[in-house]
Amino acid sequence: MKKATLLFAATMMLVGISFAAPKDATYTGEIMDSHCAAMGDHGGKDAKTCTLACAKGGASFVLYDASKKAVYQLDDQTKPQAFAGQKVKVVGTLDPATKTIHVTDIQAGA
């Protein structure tokens, strides 16, 4: 019985380690609206003005990484508004299944 208890405890420790919460990482790119990010640019319009107008029209704020041509959804739609059209560093955890970053912080400059 003692061996079974120890084996169970060891197994639970290993399971706990494998399900540890992911750590924050930094992702770089531009805060864009989801419509323009799908095209990869703002069609010659001012980035900030375009992003804010499209977001007001129903698009969501996203992080667009031009070097990877990747679009990441942002779970926080309040913080990105102040950085619309800017190159940024987004700190958070990525859910690879949904390509959504759970935003911890956003900093200007990439």
N, C-alpha and C. Protein backbone atom coordinates (compact mmCIF):
# COMPACT_ATOMS: atom_id res chain seq x y z
N MET A 1 0.82 -1.19 0.00
CA MET A 1 0.00 0.00 0.00
C MET A 1 0.87 1.25 0.00
N LYS A 2 1.98 1.18 0.74
CA LYS A 2 2.88 2.32 0.82
C LYS A 2 3.49 2.63 -0.55
N LYS A 3 3.86 1.57 -1.29
CA LYS A 3 4.44 1.75 -2.61
C LYS A 3 3.42 2.38 -3.57
N ALA A 4 2.18 1.96 -3.47
CA ALA A 4 1.14 2.51 -4.35
C ALA A 4 0.93 3.99 -4.05
N THR A 5 0.97 4.37 -2.79
CA THR A 5 0.80 5.77 -2.40
C THR A 5 1.95 6.61 -2.93
N LEU A 6 3.18 6.08 -2.78
CA LEU A 6 4.35 6.80 -3.29
C LEU A 6 4.30 6.92 -4.81
N LEU A 7 3.88 5.87 -5.47
CA LEU A 7 3.78 5.90 -6.93
C LEU A 7 2.73 6.91 -7.36
N PHE A 8 1.61 6.95 -6.68
CA PHE A 8 0.57 7.92 -6.99
C PHE A 8 1.07 9.35 -6.79
N ALA A 9 1.76 9.60 -5.68
CA ALA A 9 2.28 10.94 -5.38
C ALA A 9 3.29 11.37 -6.44
N ALA A 10 4.17 10.45 -6.84
CA ALA A 10 5.17 10.76 -7.86
C ALA A 10 4.50 11.06 -9.20
N THR A 11 3.48 10.29 -9.53
CA THR A 11 2.75 10.52 -10.77
C THR A 11 2.08 11.89 -10.76
N MET A 12 1.47 12.24 -9.65
CA MET A 12 0.80 13.54 -9.55
C MET A 12 1.80 14.68 -9.68
N MET A 13 2.99 14.51 -9.14
CA MET A 13 4.01 15.54 -9.27
C MET A 13 4.41 15.72 -10.73
N LEU A 14 4.59 14.61 -11.43
CA LEU A 14 4.96 14.68 -12.85
C LEU A 14 3.85 15.30 -13.67
N VAL A 15 2.63 14.94 -13.39
CA VAL A 15 1.49 15.52 -14.10
C VAL A 15 1.43 17.02 -13.84
N GLY A 16 1.65 17.42 -12.62
CA GLY A 16 1.65 18.85 -12.27
C GLY A 16 2.73 19.61 -13.01
N ILE A 17 3.87 19.01 -13.18
CA ILE A 17 4.97 19.66 -13.90
C ILE A 17 4.62 19.80 -15.38
N SER A 18 4.02 18.78 -15.96
CA SER A 18 3.72 18.84 -17.39
C SER A 18 2.58 19.80 -17.71
N PHE A 19 1.76 20.13 -16.73
CA PHE A 19 0.66 21.06 -16.95
C PHE A 19 0.95 22.43 -16.34
N ALA A 20 2.21 22.75 -16.16
CA ALA A 20 2.58 24.06 -15.60
C ALA A 20 2.10 25.15 -16.55
N ALA A 21 1.71 26.26 -15.97
CA ALA A 21 1.22 27.39 -16.77
C ALA A 21 2.33 27.91 -17.67
N PRO A 22 1.98 28.23 -18.92
CA PRO A 22 3.00 28.77 -19.82
C PRO A 22 3.49 30.13 -19.33
N LYS A 23 4.75 30.42 -19.63
CA LYS A 23 5.34 31.69 -19.22
C LYS A 23 5.13 32.73 -20.31
N ASP A 24 5.08 33.98 -19.88
CA ASP A 24 4.94 35.07 -20.83
C ASP A 24 6.13 35.12 -21.79
N ALA A 25 5.86 35.50 -23.01
CA ALA A 25 6.89 35.71 -24.02
C ALA A 25 6.61 37.07 -24.65
N THR A 26 7.56 37.55 -25.45
CA THR A 26 7.41 38.83 -26.13
C THR A 26 7.23 38.60 -27.62
N TYR A 27 6.22 39.23 -28.19
CA TYR A 27 5.90 39.13 -29.61
C TYR A 27 5.97 40.53 -30.20
N THR A 28 6.59 40.67 -31.35
CA THR A 28 6.76 41.99 -31.96
C THR A 28 5.95 42.10 -33.25
N GLY A 29 5.57 43.31 -33.56
CA GLY A 29 4.82 43.56 -34.78
C GLY A 29 4.12 44.89 -34.70
N GLU A 30 3.05 45.03 -35.46
CA GLU A 30 2.28 46.27 -35.51
C GLU A 30 0.86 45.99 -35.02
N ILE A 31 0.34 46.92 -34.21
CA ILE A 31 -1.06 46.82 -33.83
C ILE A 31 -1.87 47.29 -35.04
N MET A 32 -2.64 46.37 -35.61
CA MET A 32 -3.46 46.65 -36.78
C MET A 32 -4.88 46.21 -36.47
N ASP A 33 -5.77 46.51 -37.40
CA ASP A 33 -7.12 45.97 -37.32
C ASP A 33 -7.14 44.67 -38.11
N SER A 34 -8.08 43.82 -37.77
CA SER A 34 -8.12 42.49 -38.39
C SER A 34 -8.35 42.54 -39.91
N HIS A 35 -9.06 43.53 -40.40
CA HIS A 35 -9.30 43.62 -41.85
C HIS A 35 -8.01 43.91 -42.61
N CYS A 36 -7.28 44.95 -42.18
CA CYS A 36 -6.03 45.31 -42.88
C CYS A 36 -4.94 44.26 -42.67
N ALA A 37 -4.92 43.64 -41.50
CA ALA A 37 -3.91 42.61 -41.24
C ALA A 37 -4.08 41.43 -42.19
N ALA A 38 -5.31 41.14 -42.57
CA ALA A 38 -5.56 40.04 -43.52
C ALA A 38 -4.91 40.34 -44.87
N MET A 39 -4.80 41.64 -45.20
CA MET A 39 -4.16 42.05 -46.46
C MET A 39 -2.67 42.33 -46.27
N GLY A 40 -2.25 42.59 -45.03
CA GLY A 40 -0.85 42.86 -44.76
C GLY A 40 -0.46 44.33 -44.83
N ASP A 41 -1.43 45.21 -45.11
CA ASP A 41 -1.13 46.65 -45.12
C ASP A 41 -2.43 47.45 -45.02
N HIS A 42 -2.28 48.77 -44.99
CA HIS A 42 -3.43 49.66 -44.84
C HIS A 42 -3.85 50.28 -46.16
N GLY A 43 -3.36 49.77 -47.25
CA GLY A 43 -3.74 50.28 -48.57
C GLY A 43 -3.33 51.71 -48.81
N GLY A 44 -2.19 52.11 -48.26
CA GLY A 44 -1.68 53.46 -48.47
C GLY A 44 -2.22 54.50 -47.50
N LYS A 45 -3.12 54.12 -46.62
CA LYS A 45 -3.70 55.05 -45.65
C LYS A 45 -2.79 55.17 -44.43
N ASP A 46 -2.96 56.24 -43.66
CA ASP A 46 -2.24 56.42 -42.40
C ASP A 46 -2.59 55.26 -41.47
N ALA A 47 -1.58 54.59 -40.94
CA ALA A 47 -1.77 53.37 -40.15
C ALA A 47 -2.67 53.58 -38.94
N LYS A 48 -2.42 54.64 -38.18
CA LYS A 48 -3.20 54.86 -36.96
C LYS A 48 -4.66 55.17 -37.30
N THR A 49 -4.86 56.09 -38.23
CA THR A 49 -6.21 56.50 -38.61
C THR A 49 -7.00 55.32 -39.17
N CYS A 50 -6.36 54.56 -40.03
CA CYS A 50 -7.00 53.41 -40.64
C CYS A 50 -7.37 52.35 -39.59
N THR A 51 -6.43 52.04 -38.72
CA THR A 51 -6.66 51.02 -37.69
C THR A 51 -7.82 51.41 -36.79
N LEU A 52 -7.82 52.66 -36.33
CA LEU A 52 -8.89 53.11 -35.44
C LEU A 52 -10.25 53.13 -36.15
N ALA A 53 -10.26 53.57 -37.41
CA ALA A 53 -11.52 53.61 -38.16
C ALA A 53 -12.07 52.20 -38.39
N CYS A 54 -11.21 51.28 -38.75
CA CYS A 54 -11.66 49.91 -38.99
C CYS A 54 -12.12 49.25 -37.69
N ALA A 55 -11.42 49.53 -36.59
CA ALA A 55 -11.84 48.98 -35.29
C ALA A 55 -13.20 49.55 -34.88
N LYS A 56 -13.40 50.82 -35.15
CA LYS A 56 -14.69 51.44 -34.84
C LYS A 56 -15.80 50.80 -35.69
N GLY A 57 -15.43 50.38 -36.89
CA GLY A 57 -16.38 49.74 -37.80
C GLY A 57 -16.62 48.26 -37.54
N GLY A 58 -15.99 47.73 -36.51
CA GLY A 58 -16.24 46.32 -36.16
C GLY A 58 -15.06 45.38 -36.23
N ALA A 59 -13.95 45.83 -36.81
CA ALA A 59 -12.75 44.98 -36.85
C ALA A 59 -12.14 44.91 -35.44
N SER A 60 -11.37 43.89 -35.19
CA SER A 60 -10.71 43.77 -33.89
C SER A 60 -9.24 44.18 -34.01
N PHE A 61 -8.66 44.58 -32.88
CA PHE A 61 -7.23 44.88 -32.85
C PHE A 61 -6.47 43.56 -32.84
N VAL A 62 -5.42 43.48 -33.65
CA VAL A 62 -4.57 42.29 -33.74
C VAL A 62 -3.11 42.73 -33.75
N LEU A 63 -2.22 41.78 -33.57
CA LEU A 63 -0.80 42.02 -33.76
C LEU A 63 -0.41 41.40 -35.09
N TYR A 64 0.15 42.21 -35.99
CA TYR A 64 0.59 41.72 -37.29
C TYR A 64 2.10 41.69 -37.31
N ASP A 65 2.67 40.51 -37.51
CA ASP A 65 4.12 40.33 -37.61
C ASP A 65 4.46 40.21 -39.09
N ALA A 66 4.94 41.31 -39.68
CA ALA A 66 5.22 41.36 -41.12
C ALA A 66 6.33 40.39 -41.52
N SER A 67 7.30 40.16 -40.64
CA SER A 67 8.41 39.27 -40.99
C SER A 67 7.94 37.82 -41.16
N LYS A 68 6.88 37.45 -40.45
CA LYS A 68 6.34 36.09 -40.54
C LYS A 68 5.02 36.06 -41.30
N LYS A 69 4.53 37.25 -41.66
CA LYS A 69 3.20 37.39 -42.27
C LYS A 69 2.16 36.67 -41.42
N ALA A 70 2.26 36.89 -40.10
CA ALA A 70 1.38 36.21 -39.14
C ALA A 70 0.49 37.22 -38.44
N VAL A 71 -0.74 36.82 -38.21
CA VAL A 71 -1.71 37.64 -37.50
C VAL A 71 -2.04 36.93 -36.19
N TYR A 72 -1.92 37.67 -35.09
CA TYR A 72 -2.24 37.12 -33.78
C TYR A 72 -3.42 37.90 -33.20
N GLN A 73 -4.46 37.19 -32.80
CA GLN A 73 -5.59 37.81 -32.13
C GLN A 73 -5.12 38.27 -30.75
N LEU A 74 -5.73 39.31 -30.22
CA LEU A 74 -5.39 39.81 -28.89
C LEU A 74 -6.62 39.70 -28.01
N ASP A 75 -6.48 39.04 -26.85
CA ASP A 75 -7.65 38.85 -26.00
C ASP A 75 -8.07 40.13 -25.29
N ASP A 76 -7.18 41.10 -25.19
CA ASP A 76 -7.49 42.40 -24.59
C ASP A 76 -7.68 43.40 -25.73
N GLN A 77 -8.85 43.95 -25.86
CA GLN A 77 -9.13 44.89 -26.94
C GLN A 77 -9.08 46.35 -26.45
N THR A 78 -8.72 46.56 -25.18
CA THR A 78 -8.62 47.91 -24.63
C THR A 78 -7.20 48.46 -24.74
N LYS A 79 -6.20 47.69 -24.28
CA LYS A 79 -4.80 48.15 -24.30
C LYS A 79 -4.31 48.48 -25.71
N PRO A 80 -4.63 47.70 -26.73
CA PRO A 80 -4.09 47.97 -28.06
C PRO A 80 -4.53 49.29 -28.67
N GLN A 81 -5.67 49.81 -28.26
CA GLN A 81 -6.20 51.03 -28.86
C GLN A 81 -5.19 52.18 -28.79
N ALA A 82 -4.48 52.31 -27.69
CA ALA A 82 -3.50 53.39 -27.52
C ALA A 82 -2.29 53.22 -28.44
N PHE A 83 -2.11 52.03 -29.01
CA PHE A 83 -0.95 51.73 -29.85
C PHE A 83 -1.35 51.49 -31.32
N ALA A 84 -2.54 51.87 -31.69
CA ALA A 84 -3.05 51.63 -33.04
C ALA A 84 -2.07 52.15 -34.10
N GLY A 85 -1.69 51.27 -35.03
CA GLY A 85 -0.81 51.64 -36.12
C GLY A 85 0.66 51.71 -35.77
N GLN A 86 1.02 51.37 -34.54
CA GLN A 86 2.42 51.47 -34.09
C GLN A 86 3.09 50.10 -34.04
N LYS A 87 4.41 50.13 -34.18
CA LYS A 87 5.23 48.95 -33.94
C LYS A 87 5.32 48.78 -32.43
N VAL A 88 5.11 47.55 -31.96
CA VAL A 88 5.05 47.29 -30.53
C VAL A 88 5.70 45.97 -30.15
N LYS A 89 5.85 45.81 -28.85
CA LYS A 89 6.19 44.53 -28.23
C LYS A 89 5.01 44.16 -27.35
N VAL A 90 4.42 43.01 -27.61
CA VAL A 90 3.31 42.52 -26.81
C VAL A 90 3.84 41.40 -25.92
N VAL A 91 3.62 41.54 -24.64
CA VAL A 91 4.04 40.52 -23.68
C VAL A 91 2.80 39.73 -23.28
N GLY A 92 2.91 38.42 -23.34
CA GLY A 92 1.79 37.57 -22.96
C GLY A 92 2.05 36.13 -23.32
N THR A 93 1.00 35.33 -23.24
CA THR A 93 1.11 33.91 -23.59
C THR A 93 0.28 33.64 -24.83
N LEU A 94 0.83 32.82 -25.70
CA LEU A 94 0.17 32.49 -26.96
C LEU A 94 -0.58 31.17 -26.84
N ASP A 95 -1.83 31.19 -27.27
CA ASP A 95 -2.60 29.96 -27.42
C ASP A 95 -2.43 29.56 -28.88
N PRO A 96 -1.57 28.57 -29.16
CA PRO A 96 -1.28 28.25 -30.56
C PRO A 96 -2.49 27.70 -31.32
N ALA A 97 -3.44 27.12 -30.63
CA ALA A 97 -4.61 26.57 -31.31
C ALA A 97 -5.47 27.67 -31.92
N THR A 98 -5.57 28.81 -31.24
CA THR A 98 -6.41 29.90 -31.72
C THR A 98 -5.59 31.09 -32.23
N LYS A 99 -4.27 31.01 -32.10
CA LYS A 99 -3.36 32.11 -32.45
C LYS A 99 -3.77 33.39 -31.73
N THR A 100 -4.13 33.23 -30.44
CA THR A 100 -4.53 34.35 -29.60
C THR A 100 -3.48 34.58 -28.53
N ILE A 101 -3.06 35.83 -28.39
CA ILE A 101 -2.14 36.19 -27.32
C ILE A 101 -2.96 36.71 -26.15
N HIS A 102 -2.74 36.12 -24.99
CA HIS A 102 -3.36 36.60 -23.75
C HIS A 102 -2.44 37.70 -23.23
N VAL A 103 -2.83 38.93 -23.46
CA VAL A 103 -1.98 40.11 -23.27
C VAL A 103 -1.75 40.41 -21.79
N THR A 104 -0.45 40.54 -21.44
CA THR A 104 -0.05 41.01 -20.12
C THR A 104 0.32 42.48 -20.20
N ASP A 105 1.05 42.86 -21.27
CA ASP A 105 1.52 44.23 -21.41
C ASP A 105 1.79 44.52 -22.89
N ILE A 106 1.71 45.80 -23.24
CA ILE A 106 2.09 46.27 -24.57
C ILE A 106 3.02 47.44 -24.40
N GLN A 107 4.15 47.42 -25.15
CA GLN A 107 5.13 48.49 -25.07
C GLN A 107 5.40 49.00 -26.48
N ALA A 108 5.52 50.32 -26.61
CA ALA A 108 5.82 50.93 -27.92
C ALA A 108 7.22 50.54 -28.37
N GLY A 109 7.39 50.44 -29.68
CA GLY A 109 8.70 50.12 -30.26
C GLY A 109 8.91 48.64 -30.41
N ALA A 110 9.37 48.25 -31.57
CA ALA A 110 9.60 46.82 -31.80
C ALA A 110 11.05 46.58 -32.19
